Protein backbone atom coordinates (compact mmCIF):
# COMPACT_ATOMS: atom_id res chain seq x y z
CA MET A 1 61.95 54.62 -53.43
CA ALA A 2 61.26 55.36 -57.12
CA ARG A 3 64.38 56.26 -58.88
CA PRO A 4 64.78 60.14 -59.80
CA ASP A 5 64.01 61.60 -63.21
CA LEU A 6 66.09 64.72 -63.43
CA ASP A 7 64.67 65.70 -66.79
CA HIS A 8 61.06 65.61 -65.32
CA LEU A 9 62.21 67.60 -62.16
CA ARG A 10 63.85 70.13 -64.45
CA ARG A 11 60.63 70.76 -66.46
CA LEU A 12 58.54 70.61 -63.26
CA ALA A 13 60.94 73.27 -61.35
CA ALA A 14 60.61 75.60 -64.42
CA ARG A 15 56.98 75.32 -64.39
CA LEU A 16 56.57 76.05 -60.90
CA ASP A 17 58.98 78.86 -60.93
CA ALA A 18 56.71 80.59 -63.47
CA ILE A 19 53.93 80.81 -60.90
CA ARG A 20 56.36 81.70 -58.03
CA ILE A 21 56.48 78.39 -56.41
CA GLU A 22 59.88 77.07 -55.21
CA THR A 23 61.06 73.54 -55.60
CA TRP A 24 62.84 72.05 -52.62
CA VAL A 25 64.75 68.70 -52.45
CA PRO A 26 65.64 67.74 -48.90
CA GLU A 27 69.29 66.69 -48.63
CA PRO A 28 68.43 63.27 -47.12
CA VAL A 29 66.26 62.57 -50.10
CA ALA A 30 69.05 63.48 -52.50
CA TRP A 31 71.16 61.14 -50.51
CA GLU A 32 68.73 58.38 -50.78
CA TRP A 33 68.32 58.91 -54.55
CA ALA A 34 72.06 58.97 -54.97
CA GLU A 35 72.44 55.57 -53.11
CA HIS A 36 69.83 53.97 -55.41
CA ILE A 37 71.63 55.26 -58.48
CA ALA A 38 74.96 53.89 -57.24
CA SER A 39 73.40 50.53 -56.48
CA ASP A 40 71.99 50.45 -60.10
CA TRP A 41 75.38 51.18 -61.54
CA GLN A 42 77.07 48.40 -59.42
CA ILE A 43 74.54 46.01 -60.71
CA VAL A 44 75.37 47.11 -64.40
CA LYS A 45 79.09 47.07 -63.78
CA ASN A 46 79.03 43.47 -62.31
CA ALA A 47 76.23 41.95 -64.49
CA ALA A 48 78.47 40.02 -67.01
CA LYS A 49 81.46 39.15 -64.64
CA THR A 50 80.69 35.45 -64.20
CA GLU A 51 80.27 35.19 -67.86
CA ARG A 52 83.50 37.11 -68.67
CA ASP A 53 85.53 34.62 -66.30
CA ARG A 54 84.02 31.56 -68.05
CA LEU A 55 85.15 32.80 -71.48
CA LYS A 56 88.76 33.60 -70.07
CA LYS A 57 88.94 30.03 -68.59
CA ALA A 58 88.25 28.88 -72.09
CA GLY A 59 91.29 30.59 -73.49
CA LEU A 60 89.27 33.48 -75.14
CA THR A 61 90.19 37.10 -75.05
CA VAL A 62 87.46 39.20 -73.57
CA ASP A 63 87.09 42.80 -73.62
CA VAL A 64 86.40 44.33 -70.30
CA PRO A 65 83.48 46.73 -70.40
CA THR A 66 84.51 50.28 -69.65
CA THR A 67 82.50 52.54 -67.34
CA HIS A 68 82.72 56.26 -67.06
CA TYR A 69 82.88 56.19 -63.26
CA ARG A 70 85.58 54.49 -61.25
CA SER A 71 83.75 54.00 -57.98
CA ARG A 72 80.29 54.11 -56.27
CA GLU A 73 81.61 57.39 -54.73
CA GLU A 74 82.13 59.00 -58.15
CA VAL A 75 78.63 57.87 -59.30
CA ILE A 76 77.11 59.45 -56.04
CA GLU A 77 78.92 62.93 -56.61
CA ALA A 78 78.23 63.06 -60.20
CA PHE A 79 74.55 62.61 -59.58
CA LEU A 80 74.58 65.05 -56.71
CA ALA A 81 76.34 67.61 -58.87
CA GLY A 82 73.69 67.33 -61.69
CA LEU A 83 70.94 67.43 -59.16
CA ARG A 84 72.53 70.76 -57.85
CA ALA A 85 72.88 72.24 -61.36
CA ILE A 86 69.02 72.10 -62.09
CA PRO A 87 67.62 75.63 -62.36
CA HIS A 88 65.13 76.72 -59.73
CA VAL A 89 65.69 73.58 -57.57
CA ARG A 90 66.99 74.16 -54.00
CA ILE A 91 68.65 71.50 -52.03
CA THR A 92 67.63 72.02 -48.35
CA GLU A 93 70.56 71.28 -46.08
CA LEU A 94 70.18 68.84 -43.25
CA THR A 95 70.58 70.82 -39.90
CA GLY A 96 72.24 69.34 -36.83
CA PRO A 97 69.16 69.79 -34.45
CA SER A 98 66.86 67.96 -37.00
CA ALA A 99 69.48 65.16 -37.40
CA ILE A 100 69.61 64.78 -33.50
CA GLU A 101 65.96 64.51 -33.00
CA ALA A 102 65.37 62.24 -36.04
CA LEU A 103 68.05 59.78 -34.55
CA LYS A 104 66.18 59.89 -31.32
CA ASP A 105 62.84 59.16 -33.26
CA GLN A 106 64.42 56.15 -34.76
CA ILE A 107 66.08 54.75 -31.47
CA LEU A 108 63.06 55.37 -29.44
CA VAL A 109 60.65 54.33 -32.41
CA ARG A 110 58.69 57.60 -32.15
CA THR A 111 56.56 58.48 -35.17
CA PRO A 112 57.30 58.57 -38.04
CA ALA A 113 59.86 55.98 -37.26
CA LYS A 114 58.80 52.29 -37.08
CA ARG A 115 60.21 48.72 -37.20
CA LYS A 116 60.11 46.93 -40.69
CA GLY A 117 60.62 43.56 -41.88
CA LYS A 118 60.77 40.25 -40.28
CA ASP A 119 64.01 41.32 -38.30
CA LEU A 120 61.93 44.49 -37.05
CA ILE A 121 64.66 47.02 -38.11
CA LYS A 122 64.16 50.35 -36.90
CA THR A 123 63.79 52.96 -39.75
CA GLY A 124 62.50 56.51 -40.34
CA ALA A 125 65.32 58.93 -39.32
CA SER A 126 65.74 60.23 -42.74
CA ASP A 127 61.94 61.12 -43.28
CA SER A 128 61.92 62.53 -39.61
CA ALA A 129 65.00 64.74 -40.34
CA TRP A 130 64.00 66.31 -43.63
CA LEU A 131 60.34 66.85 -42.41
CA ARG A 132 61.72 68.75 -39.23
CA ASP A 133 63.91 70.89 -41.36
CA VAL A 134 60.94 71.78 -43.81
CA LEU A 135 58.81 72.71 -40.72
CA ALA A 136 61.76 75.10 -39.65
CA LEU A 137 61.80 76.84 -43.04
CA ALA A 138 57.97 77.20 -43.83
CA GLU A 139 54.57 76.80 -42.02
CA PRO A 140 52.69 73.59 -43.01
CA GLU A 141 49.98 75.55 -44.96
CA GLN A 142 52.74 77.03 -47.22
CA VAL A 143 54.09 73.64 -48.06
CA LEU A 144 53.02 70.91 -50.75
CA ILE A 145 54.85 67.66 -50.20
CA VAL A 146 55.03 65.27 -53.18
CA SER A 147 54.91 61.88 -51.61
CA SER A 148 52.85 58.73 -51.61
CA ASP A 149 54.12 57.64 -48.15
CA GLY A 150 51.61 57.58 -45.46
CA ASP A 151 54.27 58.20 -42.82
CA VAL A 152 54.49 61.76 -43.75
CA LYS A 153 51.05 62.59 -42.68
CA GLN A 154 51.41 60.52 -39.48
CA ALA A 155 54.50 62.40 -38.47
CA PHE A 156 52.63 65.93 -38.62
CA THR A 157 49.78 64.36 -36.62
CA ALA A 158 52.23 63.07 -34.05
CA TRP A 159 53.95 66.42 -33.55
CA GLY A 160 50.55 68.09 -33.25
CA ARG A 161 51.19 70.33 -36.32
CA PRO A 162 48.65 71.00 -39.14
CA VAL A 163 49.17 68.41 -42.11
CA PRO A 164 50.31 70.34 -45.21
CA HIS A 165 49.02 69.52 -48.63
CA ILE A 166 50.39 65.97 -49.58
CA ARG A 167 49.97 64.81 -53.25
CA SER A 168 51.37 61.98 -55.22
CA ARG A 169 53.31 62.64 -58.36
CA GLU A 170 50.34 61.69 -60.43
CA LYS A 171 48.02 64.13 -58.59
CA LEU A 172 50.42 67.00 -58.47
CA ARG A 173 49.58 68.53 -61.84
CA SER A 174 45.83 68.82 -61.33
CA SER A 175 46.47 70.43 -57.88
CA LEU A 176 48.65 73.13 -59.40
CA PHE A 177 47.74 73.86 -62.83
CA ASP A 178 44.44 74.55 -64.83
CA ILE A 179 43.60 70.99 -66.12
CA THR A 180 40.48 70.23 -67.92
CA VAL A 181 38.82 66.98 -69.06
CA ASP A 182 39.34 66.38 -72.65
CA ASP A 183 36.38 66.64 -74.83
CA GLY A 184 37.76 64.01 -77.33
CA HIS A 185 39.80 66.27 -79.55
CA ALA A 186 43.00 65.63 -77.97
CA GLN A 187 42.30 61.90 -77.46
CA ALA A 188 41.64 61.35 -81.14
CA ALA A 189 44.68 63.41 -82.00
CA ILE A 190 47.12 61.47 -79.72
CA VAL A 191 45.67 58.06 -81.19
CA SER A 192 46.39 59.17 -84.65
CA TYR A 193 49.79 60.56 -83.70
CA LEU A 194 50.86 57.12 -82.06
CA LEU A 195 49.29 55.09 -84.70
CA LYS A 196 51.65 56.72 -87.32
CA ARG A 197 54.65 55.80 -85.08
CA LEU A 198 53.92 52.11 -84.23
CA PRO A 199 55.26 49.70 -84.35
CA ALA A 200 58.41 51.24 -82.90
CA GLU A 201 61.74 50.20 -81.20
CA THR A 202 62.05 51.51 -77.57
CA PHE A 203 65.82 52.39 -78.08
CA GLY A 204 65.64 53.51 -81.72
CA ASP A 205 66.47 56.95 -83.16
CA GLU A 206 63.69 59.39 -84.11
CA ASP A 207 62.75 57.78 -87.39
CA ASP A 208 62.12 54.36 -85.94
CA GLY A 209 61.99 54.62 -82.13
CA LEU A 210 59.32 56.03 -79.66
CA ASP A 211 60.71 57.14 -76.35
CA ILE A 212 58.35 56.53 -73.50
CA GLY A 213 60.94 57.03 -70.85
CA GLY A 214 62.05 54.10 -68.34
CA ILE A 215 60.13 50.80 -68.21
CA ALA A 216 60.16 48.85 -65.01
CA GLY A 217 58.52 45.53 -64.00
CA LEU A 218 59.42 43.22 -66.60
CA GLU A 219 62.11 41.38 -64.83
CA SER A 220 60.10 40.91 -61.59
CA ALA A 221 57.10 39.84 -63.86
CA ILE A 222 59.25 37.03 -65.30
CA THR A 223 60.64 35.95 -61.88
CA ARG A 224 57.06 35.55 -60.49
CA GLN A 225 56.00 33.57 -63.60
CA SER A 226 59.03 31.15 -63.19
CA ASP A 227 58.72 30.81 -59.39
CA GLY A 228 57.61 27.32 -58.54
CA ASP A 229 57.78 25.86 -62.21
CA GLY A 230 60.89 23.89 -61.45
CA SER A 231 62.91 25.60 -64.09
CA SER A 232 65.83 26.89 -61.62
CA LEU A 233 65.55 29.98 -63.67
CA SER A 234 67.34 33.20 -62.59
CA VAL A 235 66.75 36.48 -64.48
CA TYR A 236 69.89 38.71 -64.68
CA GLY A 237 68.12 41.48 -66.64
CA ALA A 238 65.09 42.14 -68.83
CA SER A 239 63.98 44.86 -71.06
CA VAL A 240 61.04 45.98 -73.33
CA THR A 241 62.68 46.10 -76.85
CA ARG A 242 59.76 46.90 -79.11
CA LEU A 243 56.21 48.63 -79.00
CA VAL A 244 54.11 46.64 -81.23
CA ALA A 245 50.67 48.34 -81.11
CA LEU A 246 48.52 50.89 -79.30
CA ALA A 247 46.09 49.05 -76.97
CA GLY A 248 44.40 51.71 -75.08
CA LEU A 249 44.29 55.33 -73.97
CA SER A 250 42.53 56.69 -70.83
CA ASP A 251 42.46 59.60 -68.21
CA VAL A 252 43.08 62.33 -71.01
CA ALA A 253 43.40 65.86 -69.41
CA VAL A 254 44.49 69.09 -71.07
CA GLU A 255 46.32 71.91 -69.63
CA ARG A 256 45.58 75.12 -71.64
CA ASP A 257 48.14 78.04 -72.73
CA VAL A 258 51.24 76.70 -71.14
CA PRO A 259 54.66 78.40 -71.67
CA GLY A 260 56.69 77.47 -74.86
CA ASP A 261 59.09 74.66 -75.10
CA ASP A 262 62.47 74.81 -73.38
CA PRO A 263 62.41 78.33 -72.02
CA ASP A 264 65.85 77.90 -70.62
CA ASP A 265 67.31 77.27 -74.13
CA ASP A 266 65.55 80.15 -75.67
CA PRO A 267 66.32 83.69 -74.27
CA GLY A 268 63.25 85.00 -76.35
CA GLN A 269 61.04 83.04 -74.06
CA GLN A 270 62.32 84.35 -70.64
CA ASP A 271 61.51 87.55 -68.88
CA PRO A 272 64.30 89.68 -67.38
CA SER A 273 64.30 87.56 -64.08
CA GLY A 274 64.79 84.40 -66.11
CA ARG A 275 61.32 83.11 -65.74
CA PRO A 276 59.71 81.38 -68.80
CA VAL A 277 56.90 83.42 -70.66
CA ARG A 278 54.43 82.57 -73.14
CA ALA A 279 55.52 81.98 -76.65
CA PRO A 280 56.28 85.00 -78.67
CA ARG A 281 53.74 86.63 -80.95
CA ASP A 282 54.05 86.78 -84.67
CA ASP A 283 51.89 88.33 -87.46
CA LEU A 284 49.29 85.69 -86.84
CA GLY A 285 48.95 86.31 -83.20
CA PRO A 286 50.41 84.37 -80.39
CA VAL A 287 51.38 80.73 -80.85
CA LYS A 288 48.87 78.47 -78.87
CA GLN A 289 50.57 75.84 -76.55
CA ASP A 290 48.67 73.26 -74.85
CA ILE A 291 49.76 69.98 -73.14
CA ALA A 292 47.52 66.79 -73.03
CA TYR A 293 48.27 64.22 -70.39
CA ALA A 294 47.18 60.44 -70.84
CA THR A 295 47.67 56.92 -69.58
CA VAL A 296 48.72 54.74 -72.74
CA PHE A 297 48.73 51.06 -73.06
CA PHE A 298 51.09 49.39 -75.64
CA LEU A 299 51.44 45.75 -76.65
CA ALA A 300 55.02 45.11 -76.53
CA GLN A 301 57.76 42.68 -76.93
CA GLY A 302 60.71 42.12 -74.58
CA GLU A 303 63.70 39.90 -73.73
CA ALA A 304 65.50 38.82 -70.75
CA THR A 305 68.91 37.34 -69.90
CA VAL A 306 68.41 34.29 -67.86
CA GLN A 307 70.48 31.52 -66.16
CA THR A 308 69.25 27.88 -65.77
CA LEU A 309 70.77 25.08 -63.96
CA LEU A 310 70.95 21.97 -66.17
CA HIS A 311 70.73 18.39 -64.85
CA GLY A 312 74.38 18.19 -64.03
CA GLY A 313 74.29 21.56 -62.20
CA ASP A 314 76.08 23.47 -64.99
CA PRO A 315 74.53 26.78 -65.50
CA ASP A 316 73.27 27.77 -68.83
CA VAL A 317 72.86 31.44 -69.86
CA SER A 318 70.71 32.42 -72.69
CA VAL A 319 68.51 35.19 -73.97
CA ILE A 320 64.63 34.56 -73.94
CA GLU A 321 62.37 36.58 -75.94
CA TYR A 322 58.74 37.44 -74.63
CA GLY A 323 55.95 38.44 -77.07
CA ASN A 324 53.21 38.98 -74.50
CA VAL A 325 54.04 42.09 -72.97
CA LEU A 326 51.77 44.77 -71.96
CA VAL A 327 53.31 48.35 -70.97
CA ARG A 328 51.41 51.17 -69.24
CA ALA A 329 52.89 54.59 -69.64
CA GLN A 330 52.14 58.12 -68.37
CA LEU A 331 52.84 60.48 -71.28
CA SER A 332 52.29 64.04 -72.02
CA PHE A 333 51.82 65.47 -75.55
CA ARG A 334 52.64 69.11 -76.43
CA PHE A 335 50.19 70.65 -79.08
CA THR A 336 51.34 73.76 -80.84
CA ASP A 337 48.38 75.40 -82.76
CA GLY A 338 46.51 72.17 -82.37
CA VAL A 339 49.26 69.85 -83.79
CA ILE A 340 51.36 67.52 -81.49
CA THR A 341 54.93 68.61 -81.71
CA ALA A 342 56.47 66.83 -78.94
CA THR A 343 55.96 63.93 -76.43
CA GLU A 344 57.51 63.33 -73.02
CA ALA A 345 57.36 60.55 -70.37
CA GLU A 346 55.65 61.91 -67.06
CA GLY A 347 56.90 59.02 -65.06
CA GLU A 348 58.32 55.46 -65.15
CA ALA A 349 56.22 53.02 -67.43
CA THR A 350 55.40 49.63 -66.14
CA ALA A 351 55.55 46.39 -67.99
CA LEU A 352 53.69 42.96 -67.34
CA LEU A 353 53.29 39.67 -68.83
CA LEU A 354 49.88 38.79 -70.25
CA GLU A 355 48.42 35.36 -69.91
CA HIS A 356 46.07 33.18 -72.01
CA HIS A 357 44.88 31.07 -68.97
CA TYR A 358 42.48 31.94 -66.12
CA ASP A 359 41.23 30.18 -63.08
CA ASP A 360 37.50 30.89 -63.92
CA ASP A 361 35.48 31.39 -67.11
CA ASP A 362 34.03 34.55 -65.59
CA ASP A 363 37.52 36.01 -64.84
CA ALA A 364 38.22 35.45 -68.64
CA LEU A 365 35.11 37.39 -69.67
CA TYR A 366 35.81 40.24 -67.24
CA ALA A 367 39.40 40.52 -68.63
CA LEU A 368 37.95 40.83 -72.08
CA GLN A 369 35.63 43.62 -70.92
CA GLU A 370 38.47 45.35 -69.13
CA ALA A 371 40.63 45.35 -72.22
CA LEU A 372 37.78 46.61 -74.39
CA GLU A 373 37.24 49.54 -71.83
CA SER A 374 40.73 50.80 -72.89
CA VAL A 375 39.76 51.66 -76.35
CA PRO A 376 39.53 55.41 -76.40
CA GLY A 377 35.91 56.71 -75.96
CA LEU A 378 34.40 53.00 -76.12
CA ASP A 379 31.60 52.63 -73.32
CA PHE A 380 29.42 49.63 -72.76
CA PRO A 381 26.83 50.91 -70.47
CA ASP A 382 25.39 47.68 -69.26
CA GLY A 383 28.74 45.50 -69.45
CA LEU A 384 29.14 42.41 -71.60
CA GLU A 385 26.66 40.57 -69.57
CA ALA A 386 23.86 42.54 -71.14
CA ALA A 387 21.42 40.80 -73.57
CA ASP A 388 22.91 42.53 -76.61
CA PRO A 389 26.04 44.30 -75.49
CA ARG A 390 26.67 47.57 -77.54
CA GLY A 391 29.43 50.04 -76.98
CA ASN A 392 29.39 53.59 -78.42
CA ILE A 393 32.61 55.40 -79.31
CA HIS A 394 32.40 58.95 -78.28
CA GLY A 395 32.51 61.34 -81.28
CA ILE A 396 33.02 58.47 -83.80
CA PRO A 397 30.23 57.33 -86.25
CA ALA A 398 30.85 53.73 -85.20
CA HIS A 399 30.04 51.25 -82.38
CA VAL A 400 31.14 47.87 -81.32
CA THR A 401 29.07 44.80 -80.63
CA VAL A 402 29.90 41.58 -78.60
CA ASP A 403 27.78 38.61 -79.24
CA THR A 404 28.45 36.05 -76.49
CA GLY A 405 27.38 32.46 -76.34
CA ARG A 406 27.85 29.95 -73.64
CA HIS A 407 28.30 26.11 -73.77
CA GLY A 408 28.48 24.95 -70.23
CA VAL A 409 31.85 26.50 -68.80
CA ASP A 410 33.03 27.44 -72.20
CA TRP A 411 32.03 30.56 -73.88
CA SER A 412 32.61 32.39 -77.22
CA ALA A 413 32.27 35.95 -78.18
CA THR A 414 32.28 37.81 -81.64
CA VAL A 415 33.49 41.32 -81.29
CA ALA A 416 32.39 43.42 -84.14
CA LEU A 417 33.17 46.90 -85.39
CA TRP A 418 30.30 48.62 -87.15
CA HIS A 419 30.83 51.96 -89.13
CA GLY A 420 28.30 54.53 -90.11
CA ALA A 421 26.06 56.79 -88.22
CA ASP A 422 22.75 55.77 -90.10
CA PRO A 423 21.12 52.58 -88.58
CA ASP A 424 19.77 51.65 -91.95
CA THR A 425 23.19 51.76 -93.77
CA ARG A 426 25.54 50.42 -91.02
CA GLU A 427 27.74 47.59 -91.95
CA ALA A 428 30.07 45.39 -90.06
CA ALA A 429 33.70 46.57 -91.02
CA ALA A 430 35.52 43.70 -88.99
CA GLU A 431 34.97 40.81 -86.63
CA ALA A 432 37.26 39.00 -84.24
CA GLU A 433 36.29 35.68 -82.42
CA VAL A 434 37.40 35.15 -78.80
CA THR A 435 36.92 31.65 -77.28
CA CYS A 436 37.31 30.44 -73.76
CA THR A 437 37.53 26.62 -73.31
CA TYR A 438 38.17 24.43 -70.16
CA ASP A 439 41.28 22.39 -70.21
CA PRO A 440 40.45 18.75 -68.55
CA SER A 441 44.20 18.18 -67.87
CA SER A 442 43.90 21.26 -65.07
CA TRP A 443 41.79 18.79 -62.96
CA TRP A 444 44.34 16.99 -60.67
CA GLY A 445 43.66 13.61 -59.40
CA GLY A 446 40.69 11.31 -59.87
CA SER A 447 37.18 12.13 -60.55
CA ARG A 448 36.15 11.58 -56.79
CA ASP A 449 39.26 12.71 -54.93
CA GLY A 450 40.79 15.04 -57.18
CA PHE A 451 40.65 18.86 -57.16
CA GLN A 452 40.59 21.83 -59.73
CA GLY A 453 44.14 23.12 -60.45
CA PRO A 454 44.97 26.70 -61.61
CA ASN A 455 44.66 28.13 -65.04
CA GLY A 456 41.92 25.88 -66.12
CA HIS A 457 40.42 28.08 -68.70
CA GLN A 458 42.27 29.00 -72.05
CA VAL A 459 41.43 32.02 -74.13
CA ALA A 460 42.17 32.12 -77.92
CA ILE A 461 41.54 34.93 -80.30
CA SER A 462 41.26 34.81 -84.14
CA ALA A 463 40.74 37.58 -86.90
CA ASP A 464 42.32 38.82 -89.86
CA GLY A 465 45.34 40.91 -88.99
CA LEU A 466 45.21 39.90 -85.48
CA SER A 467 48.00 38.04 -83.56
CA ASP A 468 46.84 36.42 -80.19
CA ASP A 469 50.33 36.60 -78.39
CA HIS A 470 48.81 39.27 -76.18
CA GLY A 471 45.62 37.47 -75.25
CA VAL A 472 42.60 39.53 -74.87
CA TRP A 473 44.47 42.80 -74.98
CA ALA A 474 45.04 42.10 -78.74
CA VAL A 475 41.35 42.81 -79.29
CA PRO A 476 41.40 46.41 -78.30
CA ALA A 477 44.67 47.18 -80.42
CA TRP A 478 42.87 45.41 -83.31
CA LEU A 479 39.83 47.64 -82.99
CA ILE A 480 41.96 50.88 -82.44
CA GLU A 481 43.62 50.32 -85.73
CA ARG A 482 40.43 49.93 -87.58
CA ILE A 483 38.56 53.05 -86.26
CA ASP A 484 38.47 56.05 -88.26
CA TRP A 485 39.85 58.65 -85.83
CA SER A 486 39.91 61.61 -88.49
CA ALA A 487 36.09 61.38 -88.36
CA PHE A 488 35.98 62.67 -84.64
CA ASP A 489 33.15 65.11 -83.91
CA PRO A 490 32.06 65.64 -80.25
CA ASP A 491 28.55 65.94 -81.51
CA THR A 492 28.35 62.70 -83.26
CA GLN A 493 25.76 60.29 -82.00
CA PRO A 494 26.78 56.74 -82.97
């Protein structure tokens, strides 16, 4: 289960209350959230215990890390208290009849209960209980459930009840609010806004940092990369430390005429019942508030605390830096009278490690095309396999060409950015070279009885002002920095 984001829940509940929709959190769900948070607290609390014990044995004085909470129980109660304090959020209590039926579901393995894992452990009582309580409070057609769990739909089907509206968190907004596809104005403004703030620290202050919310996935990505490499490496924690460049932007949608910022903090933006209202008028008329939502890709750097076992069996703890991180974030940008005044994380961002090696040369070329498609507004109608691949940039008097040449299983591609709308006066503004070469050492065994090993094709990138730490994803970042986003005009025909 994903970790709770109470700031996001607070904003969502206020927005829903403004359109007369209640926000419910079933009590079993709140308990599950609390348990996950308590487990995270326990990991943080014990993370450095082994290292502190080693320092003590060496005769050193070691400061004991302090924690605000003394026990898991205190963490759980503090979280639940914070959840209960959120305005416009109702925690629906677990009732006895629902709990009894849910326990029977799990014991008898009745839907939505099921067996999970290699030990076939019976699960599902929690979902069964809160779903039964919801049905006791409202009819299915009155309910919208925020979940990506297919068991929810199966439960209603098994009970012979109409299936309510079910949306993932990503689809919730478009189901409830007036969302329109951006014509490119918001996209160009967001790109300009982010370029001015990058590079940035992920934990910095307002002057040198950029808050994109929590970032998950790096630790598991490092663990997957090290599995089977013989390094005996254990990862104790990993984090993204720096956002280096903007590598892409997609799925931009705009919600028009939304209430003003933080209505709960400004009595002037609430009606007598406490509901948020539109921003107040002034002599120039009402302040226009819009919110744009987008998927944003960042080139990033990270670090991990790892432990490796040396030849003698002694563990060695060190911090390893990773310069090949890609972060995918769901962000919202608040526009006040057409100017971005705030940004928020709309969910947990994800991080992964980028590679320079591919199993197949076509895989490498496809990876380059996928990366280029993340450039805002850039479209290659016929793909990179066309005779003369050319991509237009929506609303920008510029285009991108990719000149690809093959030499056996090797290939090279020249990516060029061209400025100007007039075909007779266009000129190449910048070029980057991408090469994919076969590594003979990836063939295992003899010429007759051997076989091809993994990662046999290596990609390299070169251009002025371009670092190839991030593989093919360095190319879209390099292009985005060189496009004149201030020249955006939706009627431009590149």
